Amino acid sequence: MEEALNSTIHPTCLEEPPLAIDVIKQLDVFGVALYSMLTLMSTLSLLLYLEECVFIYRKVPSPKKTTIMWVNGAAPVIATMACFGMWIPRATMFTDMTSNSYFAVVVYKILVLMIEESGGSEAFLKSNAQKTFNISVGPCCCCCPCLPRVPVTRCMLFWLKLGALQYAILKTVLSIVSIILWTNGNFDLSDLEITGTAIWINPFIGVLTIISLWPVAIMFMNICNTLRSIKIIPKYAMYQLVLVLSQLQTAIINILALDGTIACSPPFSSSARGTMLSQQLMILEMFIVTLVTRALYRRTYDSLPTDPHDTDNDQNSKISLQAPQGEHTV
């Protein structure tokens, strides 16, 4: 039965992803047009990002400029890596790990951006000293409304930063370990046996991802009204969209490919074709996200409106300083 089944399967459906030259040779007119258009999109995404970095470097004060550059680069970096993976299918492991590691840093940078938009850590703690934060938010505790509110302290802020930072560090380390194991033939995404390394590493990364998203969601849900004037809600929405497209969408397509729902199409096996489709979709989606984020971030940020009570105090202090000067002039 197995011999009869294998005889009906094209030999390339059981092989590794094709070489870049094999991909180029099998392209027809539509394929050339599609690959050229997607390559142009990824190139434009990267060029727009570089131009945006120059603008941010000149117009935005430090250290906010560095954080904005990191956050702004999520979509262009993912689109560029997807373009490399589309043309060189056997480099998919490296391109995916690079994109995922970069986005892991972006998760932490989103949290830092919200703190810096509040004036920095000290200003954030001072303005929220008498407040408490609701921690019953997703993705961890959205179903636990009974959790007590937590006062805003330096310790609480440290744990929020650590919760997001651990993903940036551990994701990068596990990506390097996965590449090393893959080169030795010990890491295979299609190997779902209990003895395989992928079945252990990937769920652990999923847990780390959920833990890192929780502090970012806590910060956003509690200060979104304060930062509404600087469009923090659409910025956070773009970050969530990149998260869904780069993580959830890719995972669903890979599962469909492993299940055989996405058929083999020589010279691509079912798994390689699923990866190719995922990368092509990613380039188009990240190009659109790049255009939207460019419109959101391309401006010089103004400081948050101050408390009216503090403004009155500043005006009174200026009047008191000007009074003696007037006396001397008389």
Protein backbone atom coordinates (compact mmCIF):
# COMPACT_ATOMS: atom_id res chain seq x y z
CA MET A 1 0.00 0.00 0.00
CA GLU A 2 2.81 2.42 0.91
CA GLU A 3 4.67 1.62 -2.33
CA ALA A 4 1.55 2.33 -4.36
CA LEU A 5 1.04 5.60 -2.48
CA ASN A 6 4.64 6.70 -2.97
CA SER A 7 4.45 5.92 -6.68
CA THR A 8 1.66 8.51 -7.09
CA ILE A 9 3.62 11.29 -5.37
CA HIS A 10 5.95 13.46 -7.39
CA PRO A 11 9.55 12.90 -6.20
CA THR A 12 10.12 16.63 -5.57
CA CYS A 13 7.26 16.64 -3.07
CA LEU A 14 9.43 14.60 -0.73
CA GLU A 15 12.63 16.59 -1.21
CA GLU A 16 14.09 19.66 0.47
CA PRO A 17 13.10 23.17 -0.66
CA PRO A 18 14.53 23.99 -4.10
CA LEU A 19 17.62 26.07 -4.75
CA ALA A 20 17.27 29.70 -5.80
CA ILE A 21 18.30 28.91 -9.38
CA ASP A 22 15.60 26.22 -9.59
CA VAL A 23 12.99 28.73 -8.44
CA ILE A 24 14.07 31.20 -11.13
CA LYS A 25 14.05 28.56 -13.88
CA GLN A 26 10.49 27.43 -13.18
CA LEU A 27 8.99 30.96 -13.20
CA ASP A 28 6.55 31.72 -16.00
CA VAL A 29 5.42 35.19 -17.07
CA PHE A 30 2.97 35.51 -14.19
CA GLY A 31 5.59 34.25 -11.74
CA VAL A 32 8.16 36.78 -12.95
CA ALA A 33 5.62 39.58 -12.64
CA LEU A 34 4.56 38.43 -9.16
CA TYR A 35 8.09 38.03 -7.83
CA SER A 36 9.15 41.37 -9.33
CA MET A 37 6.20 43.22 -7.80
CA LEU A 38 6.75 41.70 -4.35
CA THR A 39 10.47 42.43 -4.53
CA LEU A 40 9.68 46.03 -5.42
CA MET A 41 7.30 46.28 -2.45
CA SER A 42 9.88 44.98 0.01
CA THR A 43 12.53 47.31 -1.45
CA LEU A 44 10.23 50.32 -1.14
CA SER A 45 9.40 49.32 2.45
CA LEU A 46 13.09 49.28 3.32
CA LEU A 47 13.81 52.58 1.54
CA LEU A 48 10.86 54.31 3.22
CA TYR A 49 12.08 53.04 6.57
CA LEU A 50 15.61 54.32 6.00
CA GLU A 51 14.26 57.73 4.98
CA GLU A 52 12.05 57.70 8.06
CA CYS A 53 15.08 56.93 10.26
CA VAL A 54 16.85 60.01 8.89
CA PHE A 55 13.78 62.16 9.63
CA ILE A 56 13.40 60.76 13.16
CA TYR A 57 17.10 61.18 13.88
CA ARG A 58 16.93 64.87 12.95
CA LYS A 59 13.54 65.79 14.43
CA VAL A 60 13.00 63.63 17.53
CA PRO A 61 15.04 64.07 20.72
CA SER A 62 17.05 61.25 22.26
CA PRO A 63 16.46 58.61 23.65
CA LYS A 64 12.98 58.52 22.14
CA LYS A 65 14.40 58.49 18.62
CA THR A 66 16.07 55.09 19.11
CA THR A 67 12.89 53.51 20.42
CA ILE A 68 10.81 54.87 17.54
CA MET A 69 13.34 53.58 15.02
CA TRP A 70 13.12 50.09 16.51
CA VAL A 71 9.31 50.07 16.51
CA ASN A 72 9.10 51.55 13.01
CA GLY A 73 11.43 48.89 11.63
CA ALA A 74 9.23 45.89 12.43
CA ALA A 75 7.28 45.80 9.16
CA PRO A 76 10.21 46.67 6.81
CA VAL A 77 12.52 44.11 8.42
CA ILE A 78 9.89 41.36 8.21
CA ALA A 79 9.12 42.27 4.58
CA THR A 80 12.82 42.23 3.66
CA MET A 81 13.44 38.87 5.31
CA ALA A 82 10.32 37.44 3.66
CA CYS A 83 11.66 38.61 0.28
CA PHE A 84 14.97 36.83 0.88
CA GLY A 85 13.10 33.70 1.92
CA MET A 86 10.89 33.87 -1.16
CA TRP A 87 13.88 33.96 -3.54
CA ILE A 88 16.06 31.55 -1.50
CA PRO A 89 13.72 28.91 -0.02
CA ARG A 90 16.49 27.04 1.77
CA ALA A 91 17.31 30.16 3.80
CA THR A 92 13.84 30.24 5.37
CA MET A 93 15.11 29.09 8.74
CA PHE A 94 17.51 32.03 8.94
CA THR A 95 15.08 34.65 7.60
CA ASP A 96 12.25 33.55 9.92
CA MET A 97 14.50 33.49 12.97
CA THR A 98 15.83 36.96 12.13
CA SER A 99 12.32 38.40 11.76
CA ASN A 100 11.07 36.76 14.95
CA SER A 101 14.09 37.87 16.97
CA TYR A 102 13.72 41.46 15.76
CA PHE A 103 10.01 41.52 16.60
CA ALA A 104 10.79 40.13 20.07
CA VAL A 105 12.82 43.28 20.68
CA VAL A 106 9.98 45.41 19.28
CA VAL A 107 7.61 44.00 21.93
CA TYR A 108 9.90 45.38 24.62
CA LYS A 109 10.41 48.65 22.75
CA ILE A 110 6.64 49.24 22.57
CA LEU A 111 6.54 49.20 26.36
CA VAL A 112 9.53 51.55 26.54
CA LEU A 113 7.90 53.86 23.98
CA MET A 114 4.76 54.27 26.11
CA ILE A 115 6.90 55.08 29.15
CA GLU A 116 8.99 57.61 27.22
CA GLU A 117 5.85 59.21 25.79
CA SER A 118 4.77 59.71 29.40
CA GLY A 119 7.94 61.69 30.05
CA GLY A 120 10.30 58.91 31.06
CA SER A 121 10.40 56.55 34.03
CA GLU A 122 10.67 59.25 36.69
CA ALA A 123 7.90 61.40 35.24
CA PHE A 124 5.73 58.31 34.76
CA LEU A 125 6.15 57.27 38.39
CA LYS A 126 5.53 60.80 39.62
CA SER A 127 2.35 61.33 37.60
CA ASN A 128 0.93 57.92 38.58
CA ALA A 129 2.14 57.80 42.18
CA GLN A 130 -1.39 57.90 43.60
CA LYS A 131 -2.90 55.57 41.00
CA THR A 132 -3.39 51.81 40.72
CA PHE A 133 -3.23 49.71 37.57
CA ASN A 134 -5.71 47.08 36.49
CA ILE A 135 -3.85 43.85 35.63
CA SER A 136 -6.90 41.83 34.55
CA VAL A 137 -6.07 42.19 30.87
CA GLY A 138 -5.14 39.81 28.07
CA PRO A 139 -3.59 37.62 27.05
CA CYS A 140 -2.97 36.11 30.50
CA CYS A 141 -5.62 37.37 32.91
CA CYS A 142 -8.48 38.80 30.86
CA CYS A 143 -10.80 36.19 32.43
CA CYS A 144 -9.76 37.07 36.01
CA PRO A 145 -11.59 40.30 36.90
CA CYS A 146 -11.20 39.51 40.60
CA LEU A 147 -7.48 40.31 40.58
CA PRO A 148 -6.66 43.31 42.79
CA ARG A 149 -5.42 46.57 41.32
CA VAL A 150 -1.69 47.11 41.71
CA PRO A 151 -0.20 50.43 42.89
CA VAL A 152 2.23 52.10 40.53
CA THR A 153 5.67 51.78 42.10
CA ARG A 154 9.23 51.52 40.91
CA CYS A 155 9.14 47.78 41.66
CA MET A 156 5.99 47.29 39.57
CA LEU A 157 7.56 49.17 36.66
CA PHE A 158 10.67 47.00 36.93
CA TRP A 159 8.62 43.79 36.69
CA LEU A 160 6.71 45.12 33.68
CA LYS A 161 9.98 45.87 31.89
CA LEU A 162 11.45 42.51 32.88
CA GLY A 163 8.37 40.65 31.64
CA ALA A 164 8.76 42.16 28.17
CA LEU A 165 12.57 42.04 28.11
CA GLN A 166 12.79 38.33 28.86
CA TYR A 167 11.16 37.51 25.52
CA ALA A 168 13.62 39.66 23.59
CA ILE A 169 16.57 37.87 25.22
CA LEU A 170 15.31 34.28 25.37
CA LYS A 171 13.75 34.37 21.91
CA THR A 172 17.08 35.40 20.39
CA VAL A 173 18.97 32.73 22.35
CA LEU A 174 16.49 29.99 21.40
CA SER A 175 16.61 31.12 17.75
CA ILE A 176 20.38 30.69 17.70
CA VAL A 177 20.07 27.29 19.36
CA SER A 178 17.40 26.23 16.84
CA ILE A 179 19.61 27.22 13.90
CA ILE A 180 22.54 25.28 15.35
CA LEU A 181 20.36 22.20 15.86
CA TRP A 182 18.87 22.62 12.37
CA THR A 183 22.29 22.62 10.70
CA ASN A 184 23.00 19.36 12.51
CA GLY A 185 19.68 17.82 11.43
CA ASN A 186 18.15 17.83 14.93
CA PHE A 187 15.56 20.59 14.44
CA ASP A 188 12.69 19.98 12.02
CA LEU A 189 9.36 21.83 12.21
CA SER A 190 7.61 18.87 10.62
CA ASP A 191 8.90 16.47 13.29
CA LEU A 192 6.08 16.32 15.85
CA GLU A 193 7.43 13.29 17.72
CA ILE A 194 7.98 13.61 21.46
CA THR A 195 11.69 13.00 20.89
CA GLY A 196 11.98 15.96 18.46
CA THR A 197 13.42 19.26 19.60
CA ALA A 198 10.86 21.44 17.78
CA ILE A 199 7.98 20.03 19.84
CA TRP A 200 9.73 21.28 22.99
CA ILE A 201 11.23 24.58 21.84
CA ASN A 202 8.21 26.02 20.02
CA PRO A 203 5.66 25.63 22.87
CA PHE A 204 8.17 27.14 25.28
CA ILE A 205 8.57 30.14 22.94
CA GLY A 206 4.77 30.41 22.84
CA VAL A 207 4.64 30.65 26.65
CA LEU A 208 7.36 33.31 26.63
CA THR A 209 5.39 35.25 24.01
CA ILE A 210 2.22 35.29 26.11
CA ILE A 211 4.14 36.37 29.21
CA SER A 212 5.80 39.24 27.31
CA LEU A 213 2.54 40.50 25.80
CA TRP A 214 0.88 40.79 29.21
CA PRO A 215 2.94 43.71 30.66
CA VAL A 216 2.65 45.60 27.38
CA ALA A 217 -1.13 45.18 27.48
CA ILE A 218 -1.24 46.27 31.14
CA MET A 219 0.64 49.46 30.35
CA PHE A 220 -1.48 50.26 27.29
CA MET A 221 -4.87 49.63 28.90
CA ASN A 222 -4.05 51.91 31.84
CA ILE A 223 -2.45 54.88 30.04
CA CYS A 224 -4.14 54.84 26.62
CA ASN A 225 -6.42 57.72 27.59
CA THR A 226 -3.48 59.82 28.73
CA LEU A 227 -1.60 59.26 25.47
CA ARG A 228 -4.61 59.51 23.18
CA SER A 229 -3.44 62.90 21.86
CA ILE A 230 -0.28 61.34 20.36
CA LYS A 231 -2.26 58.59 18.57
CA ILE A 232 -1.09 55.76 20.82
CA ILE A 233 -4.19 53.68 20.02
CA PRO A 234 -3.57 53.35 16.24
CA LYS A 235 0.14 52.83 16.93
CA TYR A 236 -0.66 50.00 19.32
CA ALA A 237 -3.14 48.61 16.79
CA MET A 238 -0.39 48.47 14.14
CA TYR A 239 1.87 46.65 16.60
CA GLN A 240 -0.89 44.12 17.31
CA LEU A 241 -1.53 43.69 13.59
CA VAL A 242 2.14 42.91 12.91
CA LEU A 243 2.04 40.43 15.79
CA VAL A 244 -0.99 38.60 14.38
CA LEU A 245 0.27 38.56 10.80
CA SER A 246 3.85 37.54 11.56
CA GLN A 247 3.08 34.96 14.25
CA LEU A 248 -0.49 33.66 14.09
CA GLN A 249 -0.98 33.78 10.32
CA THR A 250 2.36 32.08 9.68
CA ALA A 251 1.59 29.37 12.25
CA ILE A 252 -1.81 28.64 10.67
CA ILE A 253 -0.34 28.36 7.16
CA ASN A 254 2.45 26.08 8.41
CA ILE A 255 -0.07 23.81 10.14
CA LEU A 256 -2.14 23.58 6.95
CA ALA A 257 0.99 22.74 4.98
CA LEU A 258 2.06 20.02 7.41
CA ASP A 259 -1.47 18.59 7.33
CA GLY A 260 -1.35 18.39 3.52
CA THR A 261 -4.17 20.90 3.01
CA ILE A 262 -1.78 23.02 0.95
CA ALA A 263 -0.92 20.72 -1.93
CA CYS A 264 2.55 20.03 -3.25
CA SER A 265 3.51 21.93 -6.39
CA PRO A 266 6.88 20.92 -7.90
CA PRO A 267 9.56 22.03 -7.28
CA PHE A 268 7.98 22.98 -3.93
CA SER A 269 6.95 20.37 -1.40
CA SER A 270 3.77 20.98 0.59
CA SER A 271 5.73 22.50 3.48
CA ALA A 272 7.93 24.64 1.22
CA ARG A 273 4.91 25.86 -0.75
CA GLY A 274 3.13 26.84 2.45
CA THR A 275 6.19 28.81 3.54
CA MET A 276 6.37 30.49 0.13
CA LEU A 277 2.70 31.53 0.26
CA SER A 278 3.18 32.86 3.79
CA GLN A 279 6.15 34.97 2.71
CA GLN A 280 4.35 36.39 -0.31
CA LEU A 281 1.39 37.41 1.83
CA MET A 282 3.75 38.85 4.43
CA ILE A 283 5.47 41.13 1.92
CA LEU A 284 2.18 42.62 0.75
CA GLU A 285 0.81 43.03 4.28
CA MET A 286 4.01 44.53 5.71
CA PHE A 287 4.19 47.01 2.82
CA ILE A 288 0.75 48.33 3.74
CA VAL A 289 1.68 48.42 7.44
CA THR A 290 4.86 50.35 6.58
CA LEU A 291 2.83 53.05 4.83
CA VAL A 292 0.42 53.37 7.77
CA THR A 293 3.15 53.50 10.44
CA ARG A 294 5.02 56.08 8.38
CA ALA A 295 1.96 58.34 8.53
CA LEU A 296 1.61 57.79 12.28
CA TYR A 297 5.21 58.40 13.31
CA ARG A 298 6.35 61.03 10.81
CA ARG A 299 6.09 64.11 13.01
CA THR A 300 7.99 65.84 15.78
CA TYR A 301 6.51 64.84 19.09
CA ASP A 302 5.38 67.51 21.49
CA SER A 303 5.49 67.04 25.24
CA LEU A 304 2.32 65.91 26.99
CA PRO A 305 0.00 68.64 28.27
CA THR A 306 1.00 69.56 31.82
CA ASP A 307 -1.26 69.58 34.81
CA PRO A 308 -3.16 72.92 35.08
CA HIS A 309 -2.15 73.12 38.75
CA ASP A 310 1.51 72.81 37.78
CA THR A 311 1.03 75.46 35.09
CA ASP A 312 -0.40 77.91 37.63
CA ASN A 313 2.56 77.26 39.91
CA ASP A 314 4.99 77.92 37.05
CA GLN A 315 3.24 81.18 36.17
CA ASN A 316 3.29 82.31 39.81
CA SER A 317 6.98 81.53 40.05
CA LYS A 318 7.67 83.56 36.91
CA ILE A 319 5.71 86.52 38.33
CA SER A 320 7.63 86.33 41.62
CA LEU A 321 10.91 86.29 39.72
CA GLN A 322 9.94 89.24 37.55
CA ALA A 323 8.79 91.43 40.45
CA PRO A 324 12.22 92.07 41.96
CA GLN A 325 13.60 92.86 38.51
CA GLY A 326 10.93 95.51 38.07
CA GLU A 327 11.81 97.06 41.44
CA HIS A 328 15.48 97.32 40.52
CA THR A 329 14.72 98.98 37.21
CA VAL A 330 12.63 101.62 38.96
